[in-house]
Amino acid sequence: MNSLSDLASPLPGGALSETDLTGSTAWRVLLTLAVVLVLLATTGWTALQNQHAKPEPRAVALTAWQKDTLGGRPLPAADADPRAVSRFFGKLDQRRQMTLAERHPLVVGNMNGAPLPLRYRANRVALTEAVHVERVRRNDERLSETGRQDAGRRMNRFLSMLRDGRQILAFDPSGRGRAAEVFGDLGTARRVSVVVPGVDTELLTFERTQQRYSAPVGMAQALHRSERAARPGLPSATIAWADYRAPRGVGVDAATGGLAEQGAQRLNALLRALPGGSTVALMCHSYGSVLCGVAGREAPARVTDIAVAGSPGMRAEQVSELGTRARVWAMRAEHDWIADVPHLEFGGLGHGTDPVSPGFGARRLSTEGATGHTGYFRPGSGSLRNLAAIGTGDYTLTTRL
């Protein structure tokens, strides 16, 4: 995604450029408003184009789940309290559990409180079905060339997620899609790190071959390996959590907190359902840090740390407004364009104070060796070492500013 400053090239006729007005709050507010107003129309147009779309796979799956019974008894609500879900599955033998997973994979695979192995199995079933759907679409001559290419890309993504050993904790192919993946043994972990990515996160960007460590899977893999290298004997797990609807590009959604609020509810639902008594560190990148700032107010006590990297703000003016007892850490790499984003809130636009500013009150961290907006999880960087130290609880090993 381009920097907002890229949208503010010098004007003809001697008008002032952004450089001439550096540091002007008024300019930053006007720039933000201009971008948002231009994009409001296109956002509305897109909504109109999609209002007659056919039901998405997840919606269809939920309807089927609600109508089904087991032994003549209704099934629990898909969003029931995780403790109730755990008790429900605990009373079923393995055969009945598997029957539900194979009959309703898009429900069981995303059900907080369901046994982890069962969720992994259900999501393999759902992925296998999704591969078939996209293979049919890829060969459907009624679709445009672009549509068939998109189907091919989605099919390849799902095939990758089906590789042996992958632990897919959540999967929903509806729309742009959502997913989450576990690295390590989540059931026995004492420390859990949750990577929360930002703008332009969807199924097609869940993992990348090029720029691997800019995608959720690569971020989580790098972090997990770094944590294991630092503390080999510590039972730990890392989650690549892309299980929310992220903004697309620089627009209304990225400049406001609506999607962050929705995502925060989903994130906290997951955190409350994690097995065992593990502590949790949230590793939040870009717009993901907005989500984490909102989530902090309702996050369970097991969240001991919230680390933000390349943050546009946490919808707060200072740490005390986050309403969390967790340690809050902040970092920004050299040449990260997020520094050009207006760090303020104006009429619901913007996300508040810059988390790396001294007045915000976060524990500021070094990012030596990292550069740009997507370099924080690059192996060998000081930013990754700091994140790993937070994840393992070795706070004395962090390098602060």
Protein backbone atom coordinates (compact mmCIF):
# COMPACT_ATOMS: atom_id res chain seq x y z
CA MET A 1 0.00 0.00 0.00
CA ASN A 2 1.26 3.47 -0.81
CA SER A 3 1.96 6.17 1.73
CA LEU A 4 -0.55 8.97 2.17
CA SER A 5 2.24 11.32 1.25
CA ASP A 6 2.22 9.74 -2.23
CA LEU A 7 -1.25 11.23 -2.68
CA ALA A 8 -0.03 14.75 -1.98
CA SER A 9 2.24 15.69 -4.87
CA PRO A 10 3.03 19.39 -5.40
CA LEU A 11 0.16 21.35 -6.91
CA PRO A 12 0.41 23.48 -10.06
CA GLY A 13 0.26 27.25 -9.99
CA GLY A 14 2.60 27.69 -7.06
CA ALA A 15 0.37 25.91 -4.52
CA LEU A 16 2.13 24.68 -1.42
CA SER A 17 3.41 21.12 -1.41
CA GLU A 18 3.24 18.73 1.55
CA THR A 19 6.92 19.40 2.20
CA ASP A 20 6.14 23.11 2.60
CA LEU A 21 3.52 22.26 5.16
CA THR A 22 5.35 19.57 7.12
CA GLY A 23 4.23 19.50 10.72
CA SER A 24 0.93 21.24 10.03
CA THR A 25 -1.93 19.49 11.80
CA ALA A 26 -4.42 21.32 9.61
CA TRP A 27 -2.80 19.91 6.47
CA ARG A 28 -2.87 16.40 7.86
CA VAL A 29 -6.55 16.67 8.75
CA LEU A 30 -7.41 18.05 5.29
CA LEU A 31 -5.36 15.33 3.59
CA THR A 32 -7.15 12.62 5.54
CA LEU A 33 -10.56 14.09 4.80
CA ALA A 34 -9.77 14.45 1.10
CA VAL A 35 -8.76 10.81 0.77
CA VAL A 36 -11.80 9.61 2.69
CA LEU A 37 -14.30 11.77 0.80
CA VAL A 38 -12.97 10.59 -2.55
CA LEU A 39 -13.28 6.97 -1.48
CA LEU A 40 -16.71 7.21 0.15
CA ALA A 41 -18.40 7.12 -3.25
CA THR A 42 -16.48 4.07 -4.43
CA THR A 43 -17.17 2.28 -1.15
CA GLY A 44 -20.89 2.85 -1.59
CA TRP A 45 -20.75 1.79 -5.25
CA THR A 46 -19.04 -1.47 -4.28
CA ALA A 47 -21.69 -2.15 -1.66
CA LEU A 48 -24.43 -1.67 -4.26
CA GLN A 49 -22.72 -4.05 -6.64
CA ASN A 50 -22.58 -6.78 -3.98
CA GLN A 51 -26.03 -6.47 -2.45
CA HIS A 52 -27.55 -9.21 -4.62
CA ALA A 53 -24.70 -11.72 -4.23
CA LYS A 54 -25.64 -15.34 -3.54
CA PRO A 55 -25.32 -16.67 0.05
CA GLU A 56 -21.74 -17.25 1.16
CA PRO A 57 -20.52 -20.74 2.17
CA ARG A 58 -20.28 -19.85 5.87
CA ALA A 59 -23.86 -18.53 5.94
CA VAL A 60 -25.12 -21.69 4.26
CA ALA A 61 -23.16 -23.82 6.73
CA LEU A 62 -24.60 -21.98 9.73
CA THR A 63 -28.14 -22.48 8.48
CA ALA A 64 -27.55 -26.23 8.05
CA TRP A 65 -26.03 -26.44 11.54
CA GLN A 66 -29.01 -24.70 13.11
CA LYS A 67 -31.44 -27.11 11.46
CA ASP A 68 -29.51 -30.26 12.37
CA THR A 69 -29.87 -32.43 15.45
CA LEU A 70 -27.84 -35.15 17.14
CA GLY A 71 -29.72 -37.97 18.81
CA GLY A 72 -32.88 -35.93 18.45
CA ARG A 73 -31.41 -32.97 20.32
CA PRO A 74 -30.53 -29.58 18.83
CA LEU A 75 -26.91 -28.64 18.40
CA PRO A 76 -25.42 -25.77 20.45
CA ALA A 77 -25.28 -22.33 18.89
CA ALA A 78 -22.20 -21.86 16.74
CA ASP A 79 -21.20 -18.87 18.88
CA ALA A 80 -22.09 -20.48 22.22
CA ASP A 81 -19.88 -19.94 25.26
CA PRO A 82 -16.66 -21.97 24.74
CA ARG A 83 -17.21 -23.75 28.05
CA ALA A 84 -20.63 -24.95 26.92
CA VAL A 85 -19.16 -26.04 23.57
CA SER A 86 -16.38 -27.91 25.36
CA ARG A 87 -18.90 -29.73 27.57
CA PHE A 88 -21.01 -30.62 24.53
CA PHE A 89 -18.14 -32.23 22.63
CA GLY A 90 -16.81 -33.82 25.83
CA LYS A 91 -19.98 -35.90 26.07
CA LEU A 92 -19.61 -37.24 22.52
CA ASP A 93 -17.56 -40.24 21.53
CA GLN A 94 -14.96 -39.84 18.79
CA ARG A 95 -17.27 -41.25 16.10
CA ARG A 96 -19.97 -38.66 16.78
CA GLN A 97 -17.43 -35.86 16.97
CA MET A 98 -16.06 -36.84 13.57
CA THR A 99 -19.56 -37.12 12.14
CA LEU A 100 -20.24 -33.48 13.04
CA ALA A 101 -16.83 -32.34 11.78
CA GLU A 102 -17.38 -33.96 8.39
CA ARG A 103 -21.03 -32.92 8.12
CA HIS A 104 -20.47 -29.30 9.23
CA PRO A 105 -16.77 -28.51 8.69
CA LEU A 106 -17.22 -24.74 8.30
CA VAL A 107 -18.92 -24.62 11.70
CA VAL A 108 -16.90 -27.09 13.77
CA GLY A 109 -13.60 -25.84 12.32
CA ASN A 110 -14.32 -22.33 13.56
CA MET A 111 -16.00 -23.20 16.86
CA ASN A 112 -14.31 -21.82 19.96
CA GLY A 113 -14.33 -24.52 22.63
CA ALA A 114 -14.27 -27.47 20.24
CA PRO A 115 -11.31 -29.85 20.70
CA LEU A 116 -8.25 -28.62 18.80
CA PRO A 117 -7.62 -31.87 16.86
CA LEU A 118 -11.27 -31.82 15.79
CA ARG A 119 -11.00 -28.23 14.56
CA TYR A 120 -7.87 -29.09 12.60
CA ARG A 121 -9.64 -32.09 11.05
CA ALA A 122 -12.81 -30.14 10.23
CA ASN A 123 -10.80 -27.45 8.48
CA ARG A 124 -9.03 -30.05 6.35
CA VAL A 125 -12.46 -31.25 5.25
CA ALA A 126 -13.57 -27.68 4.53
CA LEU A 127 -10.38 -26.95 2.59
CA THR A 128 -10.79 -30.11 0.52
CA GLU A 129 -14.33 -29.05 -0.39
CA ALA A 130 -13.14 -25.53 -1.19
CA VAL A 131 -10.47 -26.90 -3.53
CA HIS A 132 -13.16 -28.75 -5.46
CA VAL A 133 -15.32 -25.61 -5.72
CA GLU A 134 -12.44 -23.52 -7.06
CA ARG A 135 -11.30 -26.22 -9.48
CA VAL A 136 -14.78 -26.23 -11.00
CA ARG A 137 -14.78 -22.42 -11.20
CA ARG A 138 -11.32 -22.38 -12.77
CA ASN A 139 -12.63 -24.51 -15.64
CA ASP A 140 -15.96 -22.74 -15.99
CA GLU A 141 -16.06 -21.08 -19.42
CA ARG A 142 -18.94 -18.87 -18.30
CA LEU A 143 -16.54 -16.96 -16.04
CA SER A 144 -14.26 -14.22 -17.31
CA GLU A 145 -10.56 -14.89 -17.69
CA THR A 146 -9.99 -12.83 -14.55
CA GLY A 147 -12.55 -14.89 -12.66
CA ARG A 148 -10.94 -18.16 -13.69
CA GLN A 149 -7.50 -16.87 -12.73
CA ASP A 150 -8.81 -15.84 -9.32
CA ALA A 151 -10.30 -19.32 -8.87
CA GLY A 152 -6.93 -20.84 -9.74
CA ARG A 153 -5.13 -18.69 -7.19
CA ARG A 154 -7.62 -19.58 -4.47
CA MET A 155 -7.37 -23.27 -5.33
CA ASN A 156 -3.58 -23.16 -5.04
CA ARG A 157 -3.82 -21.35 -1.71
CA PHE A 158 -6.15 -23.99 -0.32
CA LEU A 159 -3.94 -26.82 -1.60
CA SER A 160 -1.01 -25.23 0.21
CA MET A 161 -3.02 -25.05 3.43
CA LEU A 162 -3.79 -28.77 3.06
CA ARG A 163 -0.14 -29.80 3.23
CA ASP A 164 0.71 -32.40 5.86
CA GLY A 165 1.46 -31.06 9.31
CA ARG A 166 -0.38 -27.76 8.96
CA GLN A 167 -2.72 -26.95 11.85
CA ILE A 168 -5.49 -24.72 10.50
CA LEU A 169 -7.39 -23.32 13.47
CA ALA A 170 -9.93 -21.32 11.46
CA PHE A 171 -11.00 -21.25 7.83
CA ASP A 172 -13.79 -19.45 5.99
CA PRO A 173 -13.68 -19.15 2.17
CA SER A 174 -16.55 -16.63 2.08
CA GLY A 175 -15.72 -13.43 0.24
CA ARG A 176 -12.05 -12.53 0.65
CA GLY A 177 -11.84 -15.20 3.34
CA ARG A 178 -10.46 -15.64 6.83
CA ALA A 179 -7.99 -18.08 8.38
CA ALA A 180 -5.80 -18.84 11.37
CA GLU A 181 -2.93 -21.31 11.74
CA VAL A 182 -1.10 -22.71 14.77
CA PHE A 183 2.65 -23.35 15.03
CA GLY A 184 3.64 -25.52 17.98
CA ASP A 185 1.41 -27.40 20.43
CA LEU A 186 -1.35 -25.01 21.46
CA GLY A 187 -2.78 -27.56 23.89
CA THR A 188 0.34 -27.76 26.08
CA ALA A 189 1.83 -24.28 25.56
CA ARG A 190 2.66 -22.10 28.54
CA ARG A 191 3.27 -19.04 26.36
CA VAL A 192 1.22 -18.20 23.28
CA SER A 193 1.99 -15.43 20.79
CA VAL A 194 -0.78 -14.24 18.49
CA VAL A 195 0.26 -12.39 15.32
CA VAL A 196 -2.44 -9.90 14.29
CA PRO A 197 -1.80 -8.54 10.75
CA GLY A 198 -3.18 -5.40 9.14
CA VAL A 199 -4.51 -3.93 5.91
CA ASP A 200 -4.99 -6.16 2.84
CA THR A 201 -5.03 -9.39 4.83
CA GLU A 202 -7.18 -12.10 3.21
CA LEU A 203 -6.88 -15.73 2.13
CA LEU A 204 -4.82 -14.91 -0.95
CA THR A 205 -2.32 -12.96 1.20
CA PHE A 206 -2.39 -15.34 4.18
CA GLU A 207 1.00 -16.58 3.01
CA ARG A 208 3.41 -15.46 0.28
CA THR A 209 6.30 -16.94 -1.63
CA GLN A 210 7.77 -13.53 -2.39
CA GLN A 211 8.07 -11.18 0.60
CA ARG A 212 7.36 -14.16 2.80
CA TYR A 213 7.74 -12.36 6.11
CA SER A 214 5.20 -9.69 5.22
CA ALA A 215 2.34 -12.25 5.34
CA PRO A 216 0.70 -13.68 8.49
CA VAL A 217 2.05 -17.22 8.04
CA GLY A 218 5.61 -16.05 7.43
CA MET A 219 5.41 -13.61 10.35
CA ALA A 220 4.22 -16.31 12.73
CA GLN A 221 6.73 -18.90 11.49
CA ALA A 222 9.63 -16.49 11.92
CA LEU A 223 8.47 -15.48 15.38
CA HIS A 224 7.91 -19.07 16.52
CA ARG A 225 11.35 -20.15 15.32
CA SER A 226 12.96 -17.18 17.02
CA GLU A 227 11.17 -17.93 20.29
CA ARG A 228 12.13 -21.60 20.14
CA ALA A 229 15.75 -20.68 19.48
CA ALA A 230 15.78 -18.29 22.43
CA ARG A 231 14.01 -20.66 24.87
CA PRO A 232 14.22 -24.25 23.52
CA GLY A 233 12.70 -25.80 26.63
CA LEU A 234 9.71 -23.47 26.89
CA PRO A 235 6.41 -25.00 25.73
CA SER A 236 5.15 -22.33 23.36
CA ALA A 237 2.87 -21.84 20.39
CA THR A 238 2.29 -19.07 17.87
CA ILE A 239 -0.92 -18.30 16.00
CA ALA A 240 -1.07 -16.56 12.64
CA TRP A 241 -4.44 -14.92 13.19
CA ALA A 242 -6.07 -13.55 10.05
CA ASP A 243 -9.56 -14.42 11.24
CA TYR A 244 -11.12 -10.99 10.78
CA ARG A 245 -12.18 -8.74 7.93
CA ALA A 246 -9.26 -6.40 7.34
CA PRO A 247 -9.43 -3.10 5.42
CA ARG A 248 -8.45 -3.02 1.79
CA GLY A 249 -5.96 -0.32 0.92
CA VAL A 250 -5.98 3.29 2.13
CA GLY A 251 -9.64 4.15 2.46
CA VAL A 252 -12.53 4.69 4.83
CA ASP A 253 -12.15 1.31 6.55
CA ALA A 254 -8.44 1.84 7.19
CA ALA A 255 -9.03 5.35 8.56
CA THR A 256 -11.80 4.36 10.97
CA GLY A 257 -12.25 1.79 13.72
CA GLY A 258 -15.33 -0.16 12.63
CA LEU A 259 -13.49 -3.23 11.34
CA ALA A 260 -11.11 -3.09 14.31
CA GLU A 261 -14.06 -3.25 16.69
CA GLN A 262 -15.54 -6.24 14.88
CA GLY A 263 -12.16 -7.94 14.78
CA ALA A 264 -11.52 -7.24 18.47
CA GLN A 265 -14.65 -9.18 19.38
CA ARG A 266 -13.47 -12.15 17.34
CA LEU A 267 -9.96 -11.99 18.78
CA ASN A 268 -11.15 -11.87 22.38
CA ALA A 269 -13.53 -14.76 21.73
CA LEU A 270 -10.53 -16.82 20.62
CA LEU A 271 -8.38 -15.72 23.57
CA ARG A 272 -11.08 -16.68 26.08
CA ALA A 273 -11.34 -20.13 24.46
CA LEU A 274 -7.64 -21.02 24.38
CA PRO A 275 -6.98 -24.29 26.24
CA GLY A 276 -5.00 -24.51 29.46
CA GLY A 277 -3.59 -21.64 31.47
CA SER A 278 -1.14 -20.17 28.97
CA THR A 279 -0.29 -16.49 29.00
CA VAL A 280 -0.68 -14.57 25.75
CA ALA A 281 1.33 -11.90 23.94
CA LEU A 282 -0.37 -10.04 21.09
CA MET A 283 2.00 -9.10 18.23
CA CYS A 284 0.11 -6.49 16.23
CA HIS A 285 1.22 -5.04 12.91
CA SER A 286 -0.15 -1.96 11.13
CA TYR A 287 -3.98 -1.86 11.29
CA GLY A 288 -3.73 -4.95 13.48
CA SER A 289 -2.48 -2.62 16.22
CA VAL A 290 -5.73 -0.63 15.95
CA LEU A 291 -7.61 -3.88 16.51
CA CYS A 292 -5.38 -4.80 19.46
CA GLY A 293 -5.88 -1.39 21.02
CA VAL A 294 -9.64 -1.90 20.93
CA ALA A 295 -9.37 -5.53 22.08
CA GLY A 296 -7.28 -4.58 25.10
CA ARG A 297 -10.27 -3.14 26.91
CA GLU A 298 -12.06 -6.51 27.02
CA ALA A 299 -9.11 -8.89 26.70
CA PRO A 300 -8.86 -11.67 29.29
CA ALA A 301 -6.28 -11.36 32.06
CA ARG A 302 -4.10 -14.00 30.40
CA VAL A 303 -2.97 -11.30 27.91
CA THR A 304 0.24 -10.06 29.51
CA ASP A 305 1.73 -8.12 26.57
CA ILE A 306 0.59 -6.11 23.56
CA ALA A 307 3.39 -5.24 21.12
CA VAL A 308 2.64 -2.98 18.15
CA ALA A 309 4.81 -2.48 15.07
CA GLY A 310 4.26 0.08 12.33
CA SER A 311 1.16 1.34 14.09
CA PRO A 312 -1.16 4.11 12.82
CA GLY A 313 -2.49 4.38 16.39
CA MET A 314 -4.41 2.34 18.95
CA ARG A 315 -7.51 4.55 19.20
CA ALA A 316 -6.20 6.10 22.38
CA GLU A 317 -4.23 9.17 23.39
CA GLN A 318 -2.11 7.29 25.90
CA VAL A 319 -1.60 3.79 27.28
CA SER A 320 -3.82 4.39 30.30
CA GLU A 321 -6.82 4.81 27.97
CA LEU A 322 -6.42 1.29 26.59
CA GLY A 323 -7.95 -0.15 29.75
CA THR A 324 -5.53 -3.06 29.97
CA ARG A 325 -3.05 -4.27 32.57
CA ALA A 326 -0.88 -5.78 29.85
CA ARG A 327 2.53 -4.32 29.10
CA VAL A 328 2.32 -2.21 25.96
CA TRP A 329 5.33 -2.12 23.63
CA ALA A 330 5.80 -0.07 20.46
CA MET A 331 8.31 0.02 17.60
CA ARG A 332 8.69 1.66 14.21
CA ALA A 333 11.36 0.82 11.67
CA GLU A 334 13.38 3.22 9.60
CA HIS A 335 11.66 4.27 6.36
CA ASP A 336 8.28 2.98 7.49
CA TRP A 337 5.75 5.13 5.63
CA ILE A 338 3.29 4.82 8.53
CA ALA A 339 5.19 7.74 10.07
CA ASP A 340 3.54 9.97 7.43
CA VAL A 341 0.01 9.00 8.46
CA PRO A 342 -1.76 11.65 10.57
CA HIS A 343 -1.56 10.31 14.13
CA LEU A 344 -4.70 11.97 15.42
CA GLU A 345 -8.44 11.44 15.73
CA PHE A 346 -10.83 13.86 14.04
CA GLY A 347 -14.54 13.18 13.78
CA GLY A 348 -14.03 9.42 13.94
CA LEU A 349 -11.19 9.47 11.40
CA GLY A 350 -7.70 8.47 12.48
CA HIS A 351 -6.55 6.34 15.37
CA GLY A 352 -5.08 8.69 17.96
CA THR A 353 -1.60 9.33 19.28
CA ASP A 354 1.45 7.74 17.68
CA PRO A 355 2.31 4.75 19.95
CA VAL A 356 6.06 5.37 19.56
CA SER A 357 5.76 8.98 20.76
CA PRO A 358 7.10 9.48 24.31
CA GLY A 359 3.81 10.95 25.48
CA PHE A 360 1.85 7.81 24.65
CA GLY A 361 3.59 5.85 27.40
CA ALA A 362 4.43 2.58 25.65
CA ARG A 363 7.77 0.82 26.17
CA ARG A 364 9.63 1.77 23.01
CA LEU A 365 11.78 -0.83 21.29
CA SER A 366 14.68 -0.83 18.85
CA THR A 367 14.17 -2.14 15.31
CA GLU A 368 17.82 -2.42 14.27
CA GLY A 369 18.13 -4.20 10.93
CA ALA A 370 14.46 -3.76 10.01
CA THR A 371 13.39 -1.29 7.36
CA GLY A 372 10.11 -0.26 5.78
CA HIS A 373 6.58 -1.13 6.78
CA THR A 374 6.84 -4.90 6.33
CA GLY A 375 10.29 -5.69 7.71
CA TYR A 376 9.53 -6.24 11.39
CA PHE A 377 9.44 -10.06 11.27
CA ARG A 378 12.47 -10.49 9.05
CA PRO A 379 14.85 -13.12 10.53
CA GLY A 380 17.97 -11.58 12.03
CA SER A 381 16.37 -8.19 12.69
CA GLY A 382 16.41 -6.50 16.06
CA SER A 383 12.66 -6.07 15.84
CA LEU A 384 12.09 -9.83 15.60
CA ARG A 385 14.49 -10.49 18.48
CA ASN A 386 12.57 -8.01 20.61
CA LEU A 387 9.24 -9.56 19.71
CA ALA A 388 10.58 -13.03 20.53
CA ALA A 389 11.86 -11.82 23.92
CA ILE A 390 8.40 -10.47 24.69
CA GLY A 391 6.79 -13.70 23.53
CA THR A 392 8.96 -15.83 25.81
CA GLY A 393 8.72 -13.40 28.72
CA ASP A 394 12.46 -12.64 28.72
CA TYR A 395 11.94 -8.91 29.08
CA THR A 396 15.53 -8.19 30.14
CA LEU A 397 16.63 -9.26 26.66
CA THR A 398 14.64 -6.52 24.92
CA THR A 399 16.52 -3.59 23.41
CA ARG A 400 14.74 -0.36 24.27
CA LEU A 401 15.04 3.18 23.01
